Amino acid sequence: MKNRYRAAPVAIVGLCLVFGVGTPALPQTQSPNPGAVQKGAVVTTHAKGTFEVKLSPQEAYAGNEGLGRMSIDKQFHGELEGTSKGEMLTGMSSVQGSGVYVAIERVSGTLHGRTGTFILHHTGIMTRGAPSLTVTVAPDSGTGQLAGLTGKMMIDITDGKHSYDFEYTLADTP
């Protein structure tokens, strides 16, 4: 039984990478021209691009077989340009293709020309190979020109390449 869990960090990485496969794309909307928006208006838009991610297994907690920890290092490209650092906790079940993960990452960069930071919260569930992934902006986590940011991010992995579609709302403040 112990041998199955020794491979858990590798299996978890595969599980996490698989969560993006088959994720439905959000409906397409046009990004508004920021100069055309009245001050104080709330605008919902999309930011799209790609990212690279490095997941590094961390030391597991003693006595918690099937649980794992990883550090997250990302580089975002496209309409969101920046980096993120975070932590991931994982859990594997004894059933093939079933497990969970939660993660928190702080993103620092520029979103459609606005600079600041925000926190993303991930909840991933895999039930016998069927993925479910939710990535949302933590409430009130935006700083700088990203203060007031809310939204959700869809992740897609195709042929090993990661892309994002970030649907967000941000009050147009100076």
C-alpha atoms as a PDB file:
ATOM      1  CA  MET A   1       0.000   0.000   0.000  1.00  0.00           C
ATOM      2  CA  LYS A   2       2.827   2.423   0.794  1.00  0.00           C
ATOM      3  CA  ASN A   3       4.285   2.080  -2.712  1.00  0.00           C
ATOM      4  CA  ARG A   4       1.128   3.461  -4.254  1.00  0.00           C
ATOM      5  CA  TYR A   5       1.465   6.678  -2.227  1.00  0.00           C
ATOM      6  CA  ARG A   6       5.180   7.135  -2.818  1.00  0.00           C
ATOM      7  CA  ALA A   7       4.301   7.854  -6.440  1.00  0.00           C
ATOM      8  CA  ALA A   8       1.588  10.304  -5.321  1.00  0.00           C
ATOM      9  CA  PRO A   9       3.563  13.512  -6.047  1.00  0.00           C
ATOM     10  CA  VAL A  10       4.162  12.417  -9.637  1.00  0.00           C
ATOM     11  CA  ALA A  11       0.559  11.275  -9.996  1.00  0.00           C
ATOM     12  CA  ILE A  12      -0.664  14.542  -8.521  1.00  0.00           C
ATOM     13  CA  VAL A  13       1.352  16.555 -11.052  1.00  0.00           C
ATOM     14  CA  GLY A  14      -0.293  14.548 -13.826  1.00  0.00           C
ATOM     15  CA  LEU A  15      -3.679  15.001 -12.172  1.00  0.00           C
ATOM     16  CA  CYS A  16      -3.201  18.764 -11.914  1.00  0.00           C
ATOM     17  CA  LEU A  17      -2.046  19.085 -15.495  1.00  0.00           C
ATOM     18  CA  VAL A  18      -5.017  17.048 -16.699  1.00  0.00           C
ATOM     19  CA  PHE A  19      -7.523  19.387 -15.031  1.00  0.00           C
ATOM     20  CA  GLY A  20      -7.188  21.852 -17.890  1.00  0.00           C
ATOM     21  CA  VAL A  21      -8.082  19.310 -20.564  1.00  0.00           C
ATOM     22  CA  GLY A  22     -11.644  19.591 -21.797  1.00  0.00           C
ATOM     23  CA  THR A  23     -12.405  22.672 -19.725  1.00  0.00           C
ATOM     24  CA  PRO A  24     -15.223  24.477 -21.533  1.00  0.00           C
ATOM     25  CA  ALA A  25     -14.256  27.797 -23.028  1.00  0.00           C
ATOM     26  CA  LEU A  26     -16.050  30.912 -21.885  1.00  0.00           C
ATOM     27  CA  PRO A  27     -18.271  32.711 -24.385  1.00  0.00           C
ATOM     28  CA  GLN A  28     -16.365  35.146 -26.553  1.00  0.00           C
ATOM     29  CA  THR A  29     -16.845  38.832 -25.810  1.00  0.00           C
ATOM     30  CA  GLN A  30     -15.026  41.804 -27.167  1.00  0.00           C
ATOM     31  CA  SER A  31     -12.680  43.643 -24.847  1.00  0.00           C
ATOM     32  CA  PRO A  32     -13.920  47.195 -24.476  1.00  0.00           C
ATOM     33  CA  ASN A  33     -11.695  50.130 -25.286  1.00  0.00           C
ATOM     34  CA  PRO A  34     -10.603  51.325 -21.805  1.00  0.00           C
ATOM     35  CA  GLY A  35     -10.584  54.935 -23.065  1.00  0.00           C
ATOM     36  CA  ALA A  36     -14.261  54.703 -24.058  1.00  0.00           C
ATOM     37  CA  VAL A  37     -15.507  53.670 -20.597  1.00  0.00           C
ATOM     38  CA  GLN A  38     -17.009  56.284 -18.304  1.00  0.00           C
ATOM     39  CA  LYS A  39     -15.307  56.773 -14.926  1.00  0.00           C
ATOM     40  CA  GLY A  40     -16.823  54.586 -12.227  1.00  0.00           C
ATOM     41  CA  ALA A  41     -18.311  52.137 -14.751  1.00  0.00           C
ATOM     42  CA  VAL A  42     -17.941  48.422 -14.038  1.00  0.00           C
ATOM     43  CA  VAL A  43     -16.610  46.549 -17.058  1.00  0.00           C
ATOM     44  CA  THR A  44     -16.600  42.788 -17.571  1.00  0.00           C
ATOM     45  CA  THR A  45     -14.025  41.646 -20.085  1.00  0.00           C
ATOM     46  CA  HIS A  46     -11.636  38.825 -20.987  1.00  0.00           C
ATOM     47  CA  ALA A  47      -7.881  38.594 -20.935  1.00  0.00           C
ATOM     48  CA  LYS A  48      -6.355  35.745 -22.915  1.00  0.00           C
ATOM     49  CA  GLY A  49      -2.887  34.356 -23.294  1.00  0.00           C
ATOM     50  CA  THR A  50      -0.517  31.565 -22.390  1.00  0.00           C
ATOM     51  CA  PHE A  51       1.534  30.638 -19.367  1.00  0.00           C
ATOM     52  CA  GLU A  52       4.330  28.356 -18.285  1.00  0.00           C
ATOM     53  CA  VAL A  53       4.102  26.619 -14.930  1.00  0.00           C
ATOM     54  CA  LYS A  54       6.708  24.888 -12.797  1.00  0.00           C
ATOM     55  CA  LEU A  55       5.386  22.657 -10.017  1.00  0.00           C
ATOM     56  CA  SER A  56       8.012  21.583  -7.478  1.00  0.00           C
ATOM     57  CA  PRO A  57       7.185  18.812  -4.989  1.00  0.00           C
ATOM     58  CA  GLN A  58       7.760  19.834  -1.369  1.00  0.00           C
ATOM     59  CA  GLU A  59       8.364  17.610   1.626  1.00  0.00           C
ATOM     60  CA  ALA A  60       5.179  15.768   2.562  1.00  0.00           C
ATOM     61  CA  TYR A  61       3.793  15.900   6.063  1.00  0.00           C
ATOM     62  CA  ALA A  62       4.725  12.836   8.119  1.00  0.00           C
ATOM     63  CA  GLY A  63       1.931  10.305   8.514  1.00  0.00           C
ATOM     64  CA  ASN A  64      -0.292  11.747   5.780  1.00  0.00           C
ATOM     65  CA  GLU A  65       0.033   9.220   2.989  1.00  0.00           C
ATOM     66  CA  GLY A  66      -1.765  10.234  -0.171  1.00  0.00           C
ATOM     67  CA  LEU A  67      -1.384  13.946   0.600  1.00  0.00           C
ATOM     68  CA  GLY A  68       1.166  16.139  -1.126  1.00  0.00           C
ATOM     69  CA  ARG A  69       2.447  19.704  -1.335  1.00  0.00           C
ATOM     70  CA  MET A  70       3.932  21.633  -4.236  1.00  0.00           C
ATOM     71  CA  SER A  71       5.213  25.110  -4.922  1.00  0.00           C
ATOM     72  CA  ILE A  72       3.877  26.927  -7.989  1.00  0.00           C
ATOM     73  CA  ASP A  73       5.929  29.215 -10.225  1.00  0.00           C
ATOM     74  CA  LYS A  74       4.162  30.749 -13.261  1.00  0.00           C
ATOM     75  CA  GLN A  75       4.982  33.159 -16.057  1.00  0.00           C
ATOM     76  CA  PHE A  76       1.931  34.705 -17.789  1.00  0.00           C
ATOM     77  CA  HIS A  77       2.003  36.089 -21.343  1.00  0.00           C
ATOM     78  CA  GLY A  78      -0.655  37.919 -23.352  1.00  0.00           C
ATOM     79  CA  GLU A  79      -3.223  40.333 -22.006  1.00  0.00           C
ATOM     80  CA  LEU A  80      -2.049  39.369 -18.504  1.00  0.00           C
ATOM     81  CA  GLU A  81       1.734  39.819 -18.308  1.00  0.00           C
ATOM     82  CA  GLY A  82       3.339  38.797 -15.056  1.00  0.00           C
ATOM     83  CA  THR A  83       4.428  36.119 -12.657  1.00  0.00           C
ATOM     84  CA  SER A  84       2.923  34.207  -9.789  1.00  0.00           C
ATOM     85  CA  LYS A  85       4.136  32.199  -6.846  1.00  0.00           C
ATOM     86  CA  GLY A  86       1.967  29.892  -4.823  1.00  0.00           C
ATOM     87  CA  GLU A  87       1.350  26.683  -2.936  1.00  0.00           C
ATOM     88  CA  MET A  88      -0.707  23.622  -3.779  1.00  0.00           C
ATOM     89  CA  LEU A  89      -2.064  20.878  -1.522  1.00  0.00           C
ATOM     90  CA  THR A  90      -3.078  17.613  -3.135  1.00  0.00           C
ATOM     91  CA  GLY A  91      -4.912  14.460  -2.131  1.00  0.00           C
ATOM     92  CA  MET A  92      -5.085  11.178  -4.016  1.00  0.00           C
ATOM     93  CA  SER A  93      -7.763   8.578  -3.475  1.00  0.00           C
ATOM     94  CA  SER A  94      -7.225   4.849  -3.782  1.00  0.00           C
ATOM     95  CA  VAL A  95      -9.485   4.897  -6.875  1.00  0.00           C
ATOM     96  CA  GLN A  96      -7.583   5.396 -10.127  1.00  0.00           C
ATOM     97  CA  GLY A  97      -8.183   8.868 -11.597  1.00  0.00           C
ATOM     98  CA  SER A  98      -9.735  10.372  -8.461  1.00  0.00           C
ATOM     99  CA  GLY A  99      -8.208  13.094  -6.322  1.00  0.00           C
ATOM    100  CA  VAL A 100      -8.351  16.743  -5.353  1.00  0.00           C
ATOM    101  CA  TYR A 101      -6.198  19.825  -5.118  1.00  0.00           C
ATOM    102  CA  VAL A 102      -6.446  23.312  -3.721  1.00  0.00           C
ATOM    103  CA  ALA A 103      -3.987  26.082  -4.476  1.00  0.00           C
ATOM    104  CA  ILE A 104      -3.395  29.733  -3.766  1.00  0.00           C
ATOM    105  CA  GLU A 105      -1.133  31.911  -5.894  1.00  0.00           C
ATOM    106  CA  ARG A 106      -0.303  35.615  -5.828  1.00  0.00           C
ATOM    107  CA  VAL A 107      -0.162  37.102  -9.325  1.00  0.00           C
ATOM    108  CA  SER A 108       1.947  40.204  -9.877  1.00  0.00           C
ATOM    109  CA  GLY A 109       1.848  41.999 -13.204  1.00  0.00           C
ATOM    110  CA  THR A 110      -0.117  44.014 -15.715  1.00  0.00           C
ATOM    111  CA  LEU A 111      -3.678  43.203 -16.802  1.00  0.00           C
ATOM    112  CA  HIS A 112      -4.774  45.150 -19.892  1.00  0.00           C
ATOM    113  CA  GLY A 113      -2.352  47.932 -18.957  1.00  0.00           C
ATOM    114  CA  ARG A 114      -3.197  48.070 -15.240  1.00  0.00           C
ATOM    115  CA  THR A 115      -0.479  47.117 -12.768  1.00  0.00           C
ATOM    116  CA  GLY A 116      -0.955  45.417  -9.406  1.00  0.00           C
ATOM    117  CA  THR A 117      -1.300  42.095  -7.653  1.00  0.00           C
ATOM    118  CA  PHE A 118      -4.157  39.719  -6.873  1.00  0.00           C
ATOM    119  CA  ILE A 119      -4.664  36.250  -5.433  1.00  0.00           C
ATOM    120  CA  LEU A 120      -6.085  33.289  -7.351  1.00  0.00           C
ATOM    121  CA  HIS A 121      -7.768  30.409  -5.513  1.00  0.00           C
ATOM    122  CA  HIS A 122      -7.944  26.980  -7.231  1.00  0.00           C
ATOM    123  CA  THR A 123     -10.256  24.079  -6.416  1.00  0.00           C
ATOM    124  CA  GLY A 124      -9.729  20.994  -8.557  1.00  0.00           C
ATOM    125  CA  ILE A 125     -11.636  17.731  -8.295  1.00  0.00           C
ATOM    126  CA  MET A 126     -11.048  14.657 -10.447  1.00  0.00           C
ATOM    127  CA  THR A 127     -13.684  11.933 -10.211  1.00  0.00           C
ATOM    128  CA  ARG A 128     -12.566   8.753 -12.013  1.00  0.00           C
ATOM    129  CA  GLY A 129     -10.914  10.858 -14.717  1.00  0.00           C
ATOM    130  CA  ALA A 130     -13.659  13.504 -15.035  1.00  0.00           C
ATOM    131  CA  PRO A 131     -12.164  16.914 -14.142  1.00  0.00           C
ATOM    132  CA  SER A 132     -13.775  19.913 -12.499  1.00  0.00           C
ATOM    133  CA  LEU A 133     -11.707  23.052 -11.976  1.00  0.00           C
ATOM    134  CA  THR A 134     -12.605  26.433 -10.504  1.00  0.00           C
ATOM    135  CA  VAL A 135     -10.065  29.268 -10.387  1.00  0.00           C
ATOM    136  CA  THR A 136     -11.360  32.522  -8.874  1.00  0.00           C
ATOM    137  CA  VAL A 137      -9.947  35.822  -7.697  1.00  0.00           C
ATOM    138  CA  ALA A 138      -9.881  35.945  -3.887  1.00  0.00           C
ATOM    139  CA  PRO A 139     -12.230  38.680  -2.621  1.00  0.00           C
ATOM    140  CA  ASP A 140     -10.614  42.093  -2.093  1.00  0.00           C
ATOM    141  CA  SER A 141      -7.146  40.768  -2.985  1.00  0.00           C
ATOM    142  CA  GLY A 142      -6.446  43.235  -5.808  1.00  0.00           C
ATOM    143  CA  THR A 143      -3.840  45.948  -5.181  1.00  0.00           C
ATOM    144  CA  GLY A 144      -2.654  49.021  -7.051  1.00  0.00           C
ATOM    145  CA  GLN A 145      -4.582  49.584 -10.275  1.00  0.00           C
ATOM    146  CA  LEU A 146      -6.165  46.147  -9.820  1.00  0.00           C
ATOM    147  CA  ALA A 147      -7.956  47.051  -6.568  1.00  0.00           C
ATOM    148  CA  GLY A 148     -11.570  45.860  -6.776  1.00  0.00           C
ATOM    149  CA  LEU A 149     -10.767  43.049  -9.240  1.00  0.00           C
ATOM    150  CA  THR A 150     -13.153  40.072  -9.321  1.00  0.00           C
ATOM    151  CA  GLY A 151     -13.272  37.211 -11.778  1.00  0.00           C
ATOM    152  CA  LYS A 152     -12.640  33.634 -12.766  1.00  0.00           C
ATOM    153  CA  MET A 153      -9.998  32.016 -14.918  1.00  0.00           C
ATOM    154  CA  MET A 154     -10.456  29.089 -17.263  1.00  0.00           C
ATOM    155  CA  ILE A 155      -7.364  27.020 -17.995  1.00  0.00           C
ATOM    156  CA  ASP A 156      -6.848  24.893 -21.088  1.00  0.00           C
ATOM    157  CA  ILE A 157      -4.001  22.473 -21.724  1.00  0.00           C
ATOM    158  CA  THR A 158      -3.591  21.329 -25.310  1.00  0.00           C
ATOM    159  CA  ASP A 159      -0.563  19.362 -26.461  1.00  0.00           C
ATOM    160  CA  GLY A 160       1.206  20.248 -23.196  1.00  0.00           C
ATOM    161  CA  LYS A 161       0.765  24.012 -23.726  1.00  0.00           C
ATOM    162  CA  HIS A 162      -1.148  26.049 -21.146  1.00  0.00           C
ATOM    163  CA  SER A 163      -3.493  28.906 -21.979  1.00  0.00           C
ATOM    164  CA  TYR A 164      -5.914  30.989 -19.957  1.00  0.00           C
ATOM    165  CA  ASP A 165      -9.141  32.896 -20.523  1.00  0.00           C
ATOM    166  CA  PHE A 166      -9.622  35.293 -17.620  1.00  0.00           C
ATOM    167  CA  GLU A 167     -13.116  36.754 -17.326  1.00  0.00           C
ATOM    168  CA  TYR A 168     -12.925  39.659 -14.916  1.00  0.00           C
ATOM    169  CA  THR A 169     -14.717  42.742 -13.669  1.00  0.00           C
ATOM    170  CA  LEU A 170     -12.939  45.884 -12.579  1.00  0.00           C
ATOM    171  CA  ALA A 171     -14.389  49.284 -11.744  1.00  0.00           C
ATOM    172  CA  ASP A 172     -12.836  51.869 -14.046  1.00  0.00           C
ATOM    173  CA  THR A 173     -11.009  54.062 -11.553  1.00  0.00           C
ATOM    174  CA  PRO A 174      -8.094  56.368 -12.278  1.00  0.00           C
END
